[in-house]
Protein backbone atom coordinates (compact mmCIF):
# COMPACT_ATOMS: atom_id res chain seq x y z
CA MET A 1 0.00 0.00 0.00
CA LEU A 2 1.44 3.36 -1.02
CA CYS A 3 0.94 6.43 1.13
CA PHE A 4 2.69 9.56 2.25
CA PRO A 5 4.65 9.47 5.52
CA CYS A 6 2.55 10.33 8.57
CA GLN A 7 4.80 13.25 9.45
CA ARG A 8 4.17 14.99 6.15
CA ASP A 9 2.86 18.54 6.66
CA SER A 10 0.29 18.96 3.90
CA ARG A 11 0.42 22.75 4.29
CA SER A 12 3.91 22.67 2.78
CA PHE A 13 2.53 21.16 -0.39
CA ARG A 14 -0.11 23.75 -1.19
CA PHE A 15 -0.05 26.87 -3.34
CA PRO A 16 -2.13 30.05 -2.95
CA LEU A 17 -4.73 31.47 -5.32
CA PRO A 18 -6.16 34.96 -4.77
CA ASN A 19 -9.83 35.10 -3.81
CA ARG A 20 -10.41 37.72 -6.51
CA ILE A 21 -9.85 35.06 -9.16
CA TRP A 22 -13.58 34.29 -9.00
CA LYS A 23 -14.72 37.80 -9.84
CA TYR A 24 -13.41 37.40 -13.40
CA HIS A 25 -15.89 34.59 -14.13
CA LEU A 26 -13.27 32.60 -16.03
CA LYS A 27 -14.42 29.50 -17.86
CA TYR A 28 -12.91 26.37 -16.41
CA PRO A 29 -10.12 25.92 -19.02
CA ALA A 30 -8.82 29.46 -18.38
CA PHE A 31 -9.19 29.05 -14.62
CA SER A 32 -7.21 25.81 -14.64
CA VAL A 33 -4.42 27.28 -16.78
CA LEU A 34 -4.15 30.23 -14.39
CA ALA A 35 -4.14 27.90 -11.38
CA TYR A 36 -1.35 25.83 -12.94
CA LEU A 37 0.73 28.94 -13.59
CA HIS A 38 0.31 29.94 -9.92
CA TYR A 39 1.38 26.44 -8.89
CA ARG A 40 4.37 26.60 -11.23
CA ARG A 41 5.55 29.93 -9.86
CA HIS A 42 5.03 28.89 -6.23
CA ARG A 43 7.12 25.77 -6.77
CA GLY A 44 9.83 27.70 -8.62
CA LEU A 45 9.76 25.44 -11.67
CA PRO A 46 12.44 26.49 -14.17
CA GLY A 47 11.84 28.08 -17.54
CA LYS A 48 8.66 29.33 -19.12
CA ALA A 49 5.58 27.14 -19.35
CA THR A 50 5.03 25.84 -22.87
CA PRO A 51 1.66 25.18 -24.52
CA GLU A 52 2.57 21.49 -24.59
CA GLU A 53 3.24 21.43 -20.85
CA LEU A 54 -0.03 23.20 -20.06
CA ALA A 55 -2.03 20.99 -22.40
CA ASP A 56 -0.53 17.83 -20.93
CA ALA A 57 -1.02 18.91 -17.31
CA LEU A 58 -4.64 19.94 -17.83
CA ASP A 59 -5.82 17.49 -20.51
CA LEU A 60 -6.44 20.30 -23.00
CA LYS A 61 -5.71 20.53 -26.71
CA THR A 62 -2.52 22.43 -27.45
CA GLY A 63 -4.35 24.56 -30.01
CA VAL A 64 -6.59 26.24 -27.41
CA ILE A 65 -3.78 27.25 -25.07
CA GLY A 66 -2.77 30.35 -27.05
CA SER A 67 -6.19 31.99 -26.88
CA ILE A 68 -6.49 31.17 -23.16
CA LEU A 69 -3.14 32.78 -22.39
CA GLU A 70 -4.09 35.83 -24.44
CA GLU A 71 -7.32 36.16 -22.44
CA LEU A 72 -5.43 35.94 -19.14
CA VAL A 73 -2.94 38.59 -20.26
CA GLN A 74 -5.76 40.92 -21.35
CA GLN A 75 -7.48 40.45 -17.98
CA GLY A 76 -4.25 41.46 -16.25
CA LEU A 77 -4.01 38.10 -14.50
CA ILE A 78 -0.64 37.13 -15.99
CA THR A 79 2.24 38.96 -17.65
CA PRO A 80 3.26 38.32 -21.28
CA ASP A 81 5.97 36.07 -19.81
CA LEU A 82 3.20 33.94 -18.23
CA ILE A 83 3.94 35.06 -14.67
CA PRO A 84 0.80 35.35 -12.51
CA VAL A 85 0.10 38.86 -11.26
CA SER A 86 -0.63 38.90 -7.55
CA THR A 87 -0.67 41.38 -4.70
CA ASN A 88 -0.96 41.17 -0.94
CA GLU A 89 -4.55 40.02 -0.70
CA LYS A 90 -6.78 37.31 0.70
CA PHE A 91 -6.31 33.88 -0.78
CA PHE A 92 -7.27 30.24 -0.54
CA SER A 93 -4.99 27.34 -1.34
CA LEU A 94 -4.96 24.19 -3.43
CA PRO A 95 -2.89 21.04 -2.87
CA ASP A 96 -0.12 20.43 -5.41
CA GLU A 97 -1.52 16.95 -5.93
CA VAL A 98 -4.48 18.31 -7.89
CA PHE A 99 -2.20 18.34 -10.95
CA HIS A 100 -0.97 14.78 -10.39
CA LEU A 101 -4.22 12.82 -10.25
CA ASP A 102 -5.10 12.83 -13.97
CA LEU A 103 -8.05 15.17 -13.36
CA GLY A 104 -9.57 17.14 -16.20
CA CYS A 105 -9.56 20.92 -15.97
CA ALA A 106 -13.31 21.05 -15.23
CA ALA A 107 -12.84 18.78 -12.21
CA ILE A 108 -9.90 20.93 -11.07
CA ALA A 109 -11.98 24.11 -11.31
CA ILE A 110 -14.90 22.59 -9.38
CA TYR A 111 -12.56 21.26 -6.70
CA ALA A 112 -10.98 24.71 -6.38
CA PHE A 113 -14.38 26.36 -5.96
CA LEU A 114 -15.33 23.89 -3.24
CA LEU A 115 -12.09 24.66 -1.39
CA TYR A 116 -12.76 28.37 -1.77
CA ARG A 117 -16.21 28.00 -0.26
CA GLU A 118 -15.48 25.38 2.41
CA ASN A 119 -15.75 26.06 6.14
CA ARG A 120 -12.15 25.90 7.33
CA LYS A 121 -13.18 24.19 10.58
CA THR A 122 -15.57 21.56 9.24
CA TYR A 123 -14.06 21.18 5.73
CA GLN A 124 -17.61 21.31 4.38
CA CYS A 125 -19.78 23.50 2.20
CA THR A 126 -23.32 23.21 0.85
CA LEU A 127 -23.76 24.41 -2.73
CA SER A 128 -26.17 23.88 -5.59
CA TYR A 129 -25.04 22.65 -9.00
CA LYS A 130 -26.25 25.99 -10.34
CA THR A 131 -23.96 28.00 -8.04
CA ILE A 132 -20.95 25.90 -8.97
CA GLY A 133 -21.82 25.98 -12.66
CA GLN A 134 -22.12 29.77 -12.68
CA ALA A 135 -18.69 30.06 -11.06
CA ILE A 136 -16.87 28.10 -13.77
CA GLY A 137 -19.21 28.49 -16.76
CA VAL A 138 -20.76 25.04 -17.15
CA SER A 139 -24.21 23.43 -17.02
CA ASN A 140 -25.70 21.61 -14.03
CA ASN A 141 -25.22 18.28 -15.80
CA THR A 142 -21.54 19.01 -16.36
CA VAL A 143 -21.11 19.92 -12.69
CA ARG A 144 -22.75 16.65 -11.69
CA LYS A 145 -20.45 14.67 -13.99
CA TYR A 146 -17.28 16.11 -12.51
CA VAL A 147 -18.52 16.00 -8.93
CA LEU A 148 -18.81 12.24 -9.47
CA GLU A 149 -15.24 12.24 -10.84
CA LEU A 150 -13.98 14.03 -7.72
CA GLU A 151 -15.81 11.52 -5.52
CA ALA A 152 -14.31 8.60 -7.45
CA ALA A 153 -10.86 10.15 -7.04
CA GLY A 154 -11.32 10.23 -3.26
CA LEU A 155 -11.07 14.01 -3.02
CA ILE A 156 -14.59 14.70 -1.75
CA ALA A 157 -17.61 13.02 -0.20
CA THR A 158 -21.18 14.22 -0.66
CA ASN A 159 -24.51 13.81 1.06
CA ARG A 160 -27.91 15.21 0.17
CA THR A 161 -29.47 17.84 2.44
CA MET A 162 -33.19 18.23 3.08
CA VAL A 163 -35.16 21.50 3.02
CA LEU A 164 -38.76 22.47 3.75
CA ASP A 165 -40.85 23.90 0.91
CA ALA A 166 -43.54 26.58 1.25
CA ASN A 167 -46.03 23.93 2.32
CA GLY A 168 -43.79 22.63 5.06
CA LYS A 169 -42.94 19.44 3.19
CA GLU A 170 -39.44 18.05 3.03
CA ARG A 171 -37.70 17.90 -0.31
CA ASN A 172 -34.17 17.30 -1.52
CA GLY A 173 -31.82 20.23 -1.08
CA SER A 174 -28.32 20.89 -2.40
CA LEU A 175 -25.41 18.56 -1.81
CA ARG A 176 -23.18 19.00 1.20
CA TYR A 177 -19.56 18.54 0.17
CA THR A 178 -16.87 17.31 2.53
CA ILE A 179 -13.26 17.86 1.48
CA LEU A 180 -11.26 14.70 2.20
CA PRO A 181 -7.51 14.47 3.00
CA VAL A 182 -5.67 14.66 -0.30
CA GLN A 183 -3.19 12.00 0.85
CA ASN A 184 -6.03 9.47 0.66
CA ALA A 185 -6.69 10.42 -2.96
CA MET A 186 -3.01 10.00 -3.83
CA GLU A 187 -2.89 6.59 -2.16
CA LEU A 188 -6.00 5.51 -4.08
CA TYR A 189 -4.49 6.83 -7.33
CA HIS A 190 -1.27 4.83 -6.83
CA GLN A 191 -3.20 1.69 -5.92
CA ARG A 192 -5.18 1.97 -9.15
CA GLN A 193 -2.00 2.51 -11.14
CA LEU A 194 -0.46 -0.62 -9.64
CA ALA A 195 -3.63 -2.58 -10.32
CA ALA A 196 -3.57 -1.41 -13.95
CA LEU A 197 0.08 -2.49 -14.29
CA ASP A 198 -0.70 -5.89 -12.78
CA ALA A 199 -3.63 -6.32 -15.16
CA ALA A 200 -1.48 -5.36 -18.15
CA ALA A 201 1.23 -7.81 -17.07
CA GLU A 202 -1.35 -10.59 -16.70
CA ARG A 203 -2.77 -9.89 -20.17
CA GLN A 204 0.74 -10.05 -21.61
CA ARG A 205 1.41 -13.33 -19.80
CA VAL A 206 -1.80 -14.87 -21.16
CA LYS A 207 -1.01 -13.61 -24.66
CA LYS A 208 2.44 -15.21 -24.58
CA HIS A 209 0.99 -18.45 -23.24
CA LEU A 210 -1.61 -18.61 -26.01
CA SER A 211 1.00 -17.77 -28.62
CA ALA A 212 3.30 -20.50 -27.34
CA SER A 213 0.43 -23.00 -27.32
CA ALA A 214 -0.49 -22.10 -30.89
CA THR A 215 3.13 -22.52 -32.00
CA LYS A 216 3.35 -25.98 -30.40
CA GLY A 217 0.07 -26.98 -32.00
CA GLY A 218 1.28 -25.91 -35.41
CA ALA A 219 4.56 -27.80 -35.00
CA ALA A 220 2.69 -30.97 -34.05
CA LEU A 221 0.80 -30.81 -37.34
């Protein structure tokens, strides 16, 4: 079983994003590119980010990166050298691991919004699909799809709330989201990778066995 050491301080593996990032109403591809550039700067990664690096990290097509970067420059969110513009202001933080779990950029943007809105003591927030969708520019159905992806990744847990309507009857309310320890998600990710490798090795073993059996059968004829 793979996991991070118990003494690991997760706060040392997070990077800040300014709260004002949400006032620009960026669509999720632009938001995720900006978040990655903040991560890159915070970690002091060498050189200038390339379109290929951004596309690979965020599961985007290389061809769309140029227009996204141009938009971020025009908004004053990054410099022409792709350095995020930031000042001394309020911020929330994301774990570095968000870029190492094979998440799509929509899932990254939704996860970031949940972290922005979470109660720092309970690690929970209650939000409608509509509220989340308006924040990152997607439909309710798209939000639902990527909420399920985040749950499957082990990053969040959800439970349905109940509300009273005008007639005093209970009906389903919005989901309550609980942010889970990111180390659990990384452990789950590595376990799945190992399982995939084992499965691939077993398929290769069976293929070789069948090939060898076919060769022997042909020789016998």
